[in-house]
Protein backbone atom coordinates (compact mmCIF):
# COMPACT_ATOMS: atom_id res chain seq x y z
CA MET A 1 3.03 11.68 -7.63
CA ILE A 2 2.76 13.86 -4.54
CA ASP A 3 -0.37 15.44 -5.97
CA ILE A 4 -1.98 11.99 -6.33
CA TRP A 5 -0.98 10.87 -2.83
CA SER A 6 -1.71 14.05 -0.90
CA SER A 7 -4.88 15.10 -2.68
CA THR A 8 -6.55 11.76 -2.13
CA GLY A 9 -5.49 11.47 1.49
CA LEU A 10 -6.77 14.96 2.31
CA HIS A 11 -10.00 14.84 0.23
CA LEU A 12 -8.80 17.45 -2.25
CA PRO A 13 -9.14 17.37 -6.05
CA ARG A 14 -5.93 16.68 -7.95
CA GLN A 15 -4.36 19.83 -9.38
CA LEU A 16 -2.03 18.41 -12.03
CA ASP A 17 -3.00 16.72 -15.28
CA PHE A 18 -0.87 14.14 -17.05
CA THR A 19 0.75 15.20 -20.29
CA ASP A 20 2.77 13.30 -22.88
CA ASP A 21 4.90 16.21 -24.09
CA VAL A 22 7.20 16.33 -21.07
CA ALA A 23 10.54 14.53 -21.27
CA MET A 24 10.92 11.70 -18.78
CA PRO A 25 13.89 11.57 -16.38
CA SER A 26 16.97 9.89 -17.83
CA GLU A 27 18.59 6.72 -16.55
CA GLU A 28 20.47 7.37 -13.32
CA THR A 29 24.01 6.54 -14.44
CA HIS A 30 23.53 8.71 -17.56
CA PHE A 31 22.52 11.58 -15.30
CA LEU A 32 25.57 11.06 -13.07
CA ARG A 33 27.89 11.17 -16.11
CA LEU A 34 26.62 14.53 -17.31
CA THR A 35 29.13 17.37 -17.28
CA TYR A 36 29.05 21.02 -18.25
CA GLU A 37 30.51 20.03 -21.61
CA SER A 38 27.90 17.34 -22.32
CA GLN A 39 26.25 18.06 -25.65
CA GLY A 40 23.33 15.67 -25.31
CA SER A 41 24.65 13.46 -28.09
CA GLU A 42 24.02 10.25 -26.16
CA PRO A 43 20.58 8.68 -26.58
CA VAL A 44 18.66 9.15 -23.35
CA VAL A 45 17.37 5.95 -21.76
CA ASN A 46 14.53 6.20 -19.27
CA GLY A 47 15.44 5.63 -15.63
CA ILE A 48 13.79 4.70 -12.37
CA TRP A 49 11.83 7.91 -12.01
CA ALA A 50 10.55 7.74 -15.58
CA PHE A 51 8.97 4.37 -14.88
CA MET A 52 7.75 5.63 -11.53
CA ALA A 53 5.98 8.51 -13.29
CA ARG A 54 4.27 6.10 -15.69
CA LEU A 55 3.24 3.90 -12.77
CA ALA A 56 1.77 6.97 -11.08
CA ARG A 57 -0.74 7.30 -13.91
CA ILE A 58 -2.10 3.84 -13.10
CA TRP A 59 -2.04 4.75 -9.41
CA ALA A 60 -4.30 7.72 -10.12
CA GLU A 61 -6.78 5.43 -11.91
CA ILE A 62 -6.72 3.00 -8.99
CA GLN A 63 -7.56 5.83 -6.62
CA ASP A 64 -10.43 6.91 -8.86
CA VAL A 65 -11.89 3.39 -8.98
CA ASN A 66 -11.64 2.99 -5.22
CA LYS A 67 -13.25 6.37 -4.63
CA ALA A 68 -16.15 5.46 -6.96
CA SER A 69 -16.51 2.13 -5.17
CA VAL A 70 -16.64 3.80 -1.75
CA GLU A 71 -19.36 6.12 -3.02
CA GLY A 72 -21.38 3.16 -4.33
CA GLN A 73 -21.08 4.22 -7.97
CA LEU A 74 -19.90 0.86 -9.30
CA GLU A 75 -22.01 -2.26 -9.58
CA PRO A 76 -20.06 -5.52 -9.01
CA ILE A 77 -19.86 -6.39 -12.72
CA LEU A 78 -18.54 -2.95 -13.63
CA LEU A 79 -16.19 -2.94 -10.65
CA HIS A 80 -14.67 -6.27 -11.67
CA ALA A 81 -14.23 -5.03 -15.23
CA ARG A 82 -12.43 -1.88 -14.05
CA VAL A 83 -10.25 -3.91 -11.67
CA ASP A 84 -9.31 -6.41 -14.39
CA SER A 85 -8.42 -3.57 -16.76
CA LEU A 86 -6.13 -1.97 -14.18
CA LEU A 87 -4.52 -5.30 -13.31
CA GLN A 88 -3.68 -5.71 -17.00
CA LYS A 89 -2.14 -2.23 -17.04
CA LEU A 90 -0.03 -3.07 -13.99
CA ASP A 91 1.09 -6.33 -15.59
CA ARG A 92 1.98 -4.58 -18.85
CA TRP A 93 3.90 -1.90 -16.99
CA TYR A 94 5.99 -4.55 -15.24
CA ALA A 95 6.45 -6.63 -18.41
CA PHE A 96 7.94 -3.64 -20.27
CA LEU A 97 10.50 -2.78 -17.59
CA PRO A 98 14.03 -3.11 -18.99
CA HIS A 99 16.10 -5.92 -17.51
CA PHE A 100 18.24 -3.51 -15.48
CA ILE A 101 15.19 -2.17 -13.62
CA LYS A 102 13.46 -5.50 -12.95
CA GLU A 103 13.14 -6.41 -9.27
CA THR A 104 16.10 -8.66 -8.58
CA PRO A 105 18.61 -8.73 -5.69
CA ALA A 106 21.42 -8.08 -8.18
CA ASN A 107 19.74 -4.94 -9.52
CA LEU A 108 19.03 -3.74 -5.98
CA ASP A 109 22.70 -4.22 -5.08
CA TYR A 110 23.79 -2.33 -8.18
CA TYR A 111 21.58 0.67 -7.55
CA ALA A 112 22.51 0.66 -3.87
CA SER A 113 26.17 0.80 -4.92
CA ILE A 114 25.60 4.03 -6.89
CA GLY A 115 23.38 5.64 -4.27
CA PHE A 116 19.97 4.93 -5.82
CA GLY A 117 19.01 1.82 -3.86
CA ALA A 118 16.13 3.48 -2.02
CA SER A 119 14.74 4.91 -5.27
CA PHE A 120 14.93 1.51 -6.96
CA ALA A 121 13.16 -0.07 -3.99
CA ALA A 122 10.53 2.69 -3.94
CA LEU A 123 9.62 1.89 -7.55
CA HIS A 124 8.89 -1.75 -6.77
CA LEU A 125 7.39 -1.13 -3.34
CA GLY A 126 4.95 1.16 -5.12
CA TYR A 127 4.13 -1.51 -7.70
CA HIS A 128 3.32 -4.07 -5.01
CA TYR A 129 1.41 -1.55 -2.93
CA TYR A 130 -0.72 -0.36 -5.84
CA ASN A 131 -1.72 -3.96 -6.53
CA GLU A 132 -2.64 -4.32 -2.85
CA VAL A 133 -4.77 -1.18 -2.84
CA LEU A 134 -6.58 -2.12 -6.05
CA LEU A 135 -7.55 -5.51 -4.59
CA TYR A 136 -7.80 -4.55 -0.92
CA GLN A 137 -11.58 -4.47 -0.62
CA PHE A 138 -11.86 -8.07 -1.83
CA MET A 139 -10.08 -9.31 1.28
CA ALA A 140 -13.37 -8.69 3.10
CA GLU A 141 -15.21 -10.93 0.62
CA ASN A 142 -12.76 -13.80 0.78
CA GLY A 143 -14.95 -16.26 2.68
CA HIS A 144 -16.59 -19.59 1.95
CA ASN A 145 -19.28 -17.93 -0.16
CA ALA A 146 -16.95 -15.58 -2.03
CA SER A 147 -17.13 -15.40 -5.80
CA ILE A 148 -14.29 -16.84 -7.88
CA PRO A 149 -13.04 -13.34 -8.90
CA ALA A 150 -13.09 -12.16 -5.27
CA LYS A 151 -11.00 -15.14 -4.14
CA ALA A 152 -8.50 -14.61 -6.95
CA TYR A 153 -8.27 -10.89 -6.15
CA ALA A 154 -7.74 -11.61 -2.44
CA GLU A 155 -5.00 -14.15 -3.20
CA ARG A 156 -3.22 -11.67 -5.45
CA CYS A 157 -3.55 -8.98 -2.77
CA LEU A 158 -1.85 -11.27 -0.25
CA HIS A 159 0.84 -12.20 -2.79
CA HIS A 160 1.79 -8.54 -3.24
CA ALA A 161 1.62 -7.91 0.51
CA MET A 162 4.18 -10.68 0.92
CA ALA A 163 6.32 -9.35 -1.94
CA PHE A 164 6.19 -5.82 -0.48
CA CYS A 165 7.67 -7.00 2.80
CA ASP A 166 10.17 -9.34 1.12
CA LEU A 167 11.64 -6.33 -0.65
CA LEU A 168 11.47 -4.04 2.38
CA TYR A 169 13.24 -6.64 4.53
CA LEU A 170 15.88 -7.15 1.83
CA CYS A 171 16.58 -3.42 1.80
CA GLU A 172 17.43 -3.61 5.51
CA THR A 173 20.32 -5.96 4.67
CA ARG A 174 21.53 -4.04 1.61
CA ALA A 175 22.31 -0.66 3.20
CA CYS A 176 19.46 1.04 1.34
CA GLU A 177 16.71 1.30 3.93
CA CYS A 178 13.56 3.10 2.84
CA LEU A 179 12.93 5.70 5.52
CA TYR A 180 10.57 8.09 3.75
CA VAL A 181 7.27 8.79 5.44
CA MET A 182 4.92 7.07 2.97
CA VAL A 183 6.65 3.75 3.64
CA GLY A 184 5.01 3.99 7.05
CA HIS A 185 1.54 4.31 5.56
CA MET A 186 2.15 1.57 2.98
CA LEU A 187 3.50 -0.75 5.66
CA VAL A 188 0.48 -0.11 7.88
CA VAL A 189 -1.87 -1.06 5.03
CA THR A 190 0.24 -4.13 4.25
CA SER A 191 0.15 -5.08 7.92
CA THR A 192 -3.65 -4.89 7.91
CA VAL A 193 -3.67 -7.46 5.08
CA TYR A 194 -1.65 -9.69 7.42
CA MET A 195 -4.01 -8.94 10.31
CA HIS A 196 -6.97 -9.96 8.20
CA ILE A 197 -5.25 -13.26 7.35
CA LEU A 198 -4.30 -13.80 11.00
CA LEU A 199 -7.86 -13.34 12.19
CA PHE A 200 -9.73 -15.10 9.39
CA SER A 201 -7.39 -17.74 7.95
CA THR A 202 -7.62 -21.40 8.97
CA HIS A 203 -4.16 -22.32 7.62
CA GLU A 204 -1.75 -22.68 10.53
CA ASP A 205 1.39 -22.32 8.37
CA GLN A 206 0.07 -19.08 6.91
CA ILE A 207 -0.88 -17.77 10.34
CA SER A 208 2.62 -18.47 11.69
CA ILE A 209 4.25 -16.57 8.83
CA VAL A 210 2.06 -13.47 9.07
CA ARG A 211 2.43 -13.33 12.86
CA LYS A 212 6.21 -13.12 12.51
CA ARG A 213 5.87 -10.52 9.79
CA LEU A 214 3.55 -8.39 11.88
CA ALA A 215 6.15 -8.34 14.66
CA HIS A 216 8.90 -7.34 12.22
CA ASN A 217 6.69 -4.71 10.59
CA PHE A 218 6.04 -3.07 13.93
CA GLU A 219 9.77 -2.88 14.57
CA ILE A 220 10.18 -1.03 11.27
CA LEU A 221 7.22 1.24 12.02
CA THR A 222 8.66 2.04 15.44
CA LYS A 223 11.92 3.09 13.81
CA LEU A 224 10.13 5.20 11.19
CA GLN A 225 8.08 6.90 13.90
CA GLN A 226 11.30 8.26 15.40
CA TYR A 227 11.90 10.18 12.17
CA TRP A 228 8.26 11.01 11.37
CA PRO A 229 6.18 11.83 14.48
CA THR A 230 3.08 12.20 12.29
CA LEU A 231 3.11 8.42 11.89
CA ASP A 232 1.57 8.29 15.38
CA THR A 233 -1.82 8.81 13.74
CA THR A 234 -1.06 6.26 11.03
CA LEU A 235 0.03 3.69 13.59
CA SER A 236 -3.10 4.19 15.67
CA ARG A 237 -5.12 3.03 12.66
CA LEU A 238 -3.74 -0.49 13.14
CA LYS A 239 -5.72 -0.81 16.34
CA VAL A 240 -8.82 0.58 14.65
CA PHE A 241 -8.50 -1.97 11.86
CA HIS A 242 -7.96 -4.83 14.33
CA ASN A 243 -11.07 -3.84 16.24
CA ALA A 244 -13.08 -3.72 13.01
CA CYS A 245 -11.97 -7.24 12.12
CA GLN A 246 -12.94 -8.52 15.54
CA ASN A 247 -16.34 -6.87 15.26
CA SER A 248 -16.72 -8.43 11.83
CA ILE A 249 -16.23 -11.85 13.39
CA GLU A 250 -18.85 -11.23 16.06
CA HIS A 251 -21.36 -9.18 14.04
CA SER A 252 -21.86 -9.27 10.28
CA PHE A 253 -21.44 -5.87 8.70
CA ARG A 254 -20.27 -4.55 5.36
CA MET A 255 -16.52 -4.21 5.74
CA ASP A 256 -15.40 -3.88 2.12
CA ARG A 257 -16.22 -0.19 1.71
CA TRP A 258 -14.99 0.58 5.22
CA MET A 259 -11.67 -1.02 4.26
CA LEU A 260 -11.48 1.22 1.20
CA LYS A 261 -12.08 4.31 3.31
CA PHE A 262 -9.29 3.05 5.57
CA ILE A 263 -6.73 3.20 2.76
CA LEU A 264 -8.09 6.25 0.96
CA GLU A 265 -8.19 8.51 4.01
CA HIS A 266 -4.53 8.13 4.93
CA GLY A 267 -4.17 11.83 5.77
CA THR A 268 -6.62 11.66 8.68
CA SER A 269 -7.36 9.53 11.73
CA MET A 270 -9.82 6.75 11.12
CA PRO A 271 -13.03 6.41 13.13
CA GLU A 272 -13.88 2.96 14.38
CA LYS A 273 -16.87 1.12 13.01
CA PHE A 274 -19.01 -1.13 15.12
CA CYS A 275 -21.67 -3.71 14.42
CA VAL A 276 -23.32 -2.24 11.33
CA PRO A 277 -25.48 -4.97 9.74
CA ILE A 278 -24.98 -5.73 6.05
CA ASN A 279 -28.44 -4.43 5.16
CA ASP A 280 -28.03 -1.29 7.24
CA THR A 281 -26.53 1.70 5.43
CA SER A 282 -26.14 3.77 8.61
CA THR A 283 -22.76 4.05 10.27
CA MET A 284 -21.98 3.81 13.96
CA THR A 285 -18.59 5.30 14.67
CA LYS A 286 -16.45 6.63 17.41
CA THR A 287 -13.02 8.14 17.14
CA PRO A 288 -9.86 6.26 18.11
CA SER A 289 -9.25 8.71 20.94
CA GLN A 290 -12.39 7.41 22.67
CA GLU A 291 -10.77 3.99 22.79
CA GLY A 292 -7.34 5.30 23.68
CA ALA A 293 -5.87 4.33 20.30
CA ASN A 294 -4.43 7.82 19.90
CA GLY A 295 -2.86 7.75 23.31
CA SER A 296 0.88 7.52 23.94
CA PHE A 297 2.98 5.52 21.53
CA ASN A 298 4.02 3.18 24.33
CA SER A 299 0.43 2.11 24.95
CA LEU A 300 0.00 1.33 21.26
CA GLN A 301 3.24 -0.62 21.35
CA ASP A 302 2.00 -2.58 24.36
CA TRP A 303 -1.27 -3.36 22.58
CA TYR A 304 0.58 -4.54 19.47
CA SER A 305 3.05 -6.76 21.31
CA GLN A 306 0.33 -8.32 23.48
CA THR A 307 -1.92 -8.97 20.47
CA PHE A 308 0.54 -10.30 17.90
CA SER A 309 3.60 -11.59 19.74
């Protein structure tokens, strides 16, 4: 899983291949019951990390599709076919989860009670996030002239962005907060889905909801930044994304591939993109530092509160 995340974010080829001849991690309570005298007579049931490993295989395919899309290797018909295939894999993965690992408040409480609440949440946060990333580029197409598939993809992307935060907020109240560093990156990407809705939606009820969520998300990101100073760069990308959306309103330019680069290049700072016409393949960029986006954290906090409060 780390190989998939880190290699993509840093533009490196993956080093590890998937194999089917490796035993999957056992269910967590079975692991906790093991003693020196255990003879392995009990049948081993797969646990959280086993299903996380299987989900990682789909995650690798999602990254490959997005990379090919960024490089212009997929025509729309082929892209939609690949996306539909991966959506089916994600749905099948979720459908085959045993009842004790399904995303429910009761299951979260149970795993939190035995010390695995954050791992349980990470499994389902990943599921929602992977759906978001697979469908992310279609948010840029979700206008009046969007195709039926693009609208459906964008709606599903928003659905999982909502579900991601529902679970993350629930973890705050269940004594199993997710404080690992990649939550910061995933929450930034999820927040950009909300930003896009805030700037482009015409539904007042929807706008009110996402505005409140953006404020809450920034509170969580501020807390995470205290533990992970490297999130400074990740947080600065919020301002870059906001500026890109505003430029998209004022000047038509192809934003779908830029959005994919935004999520793929999570290991680096993101250059801003300005006013590139749809029929122009050139790119006009400047780095966030030129706009002060990589300045002190307080200035970023001021920008966020003034923009979304």
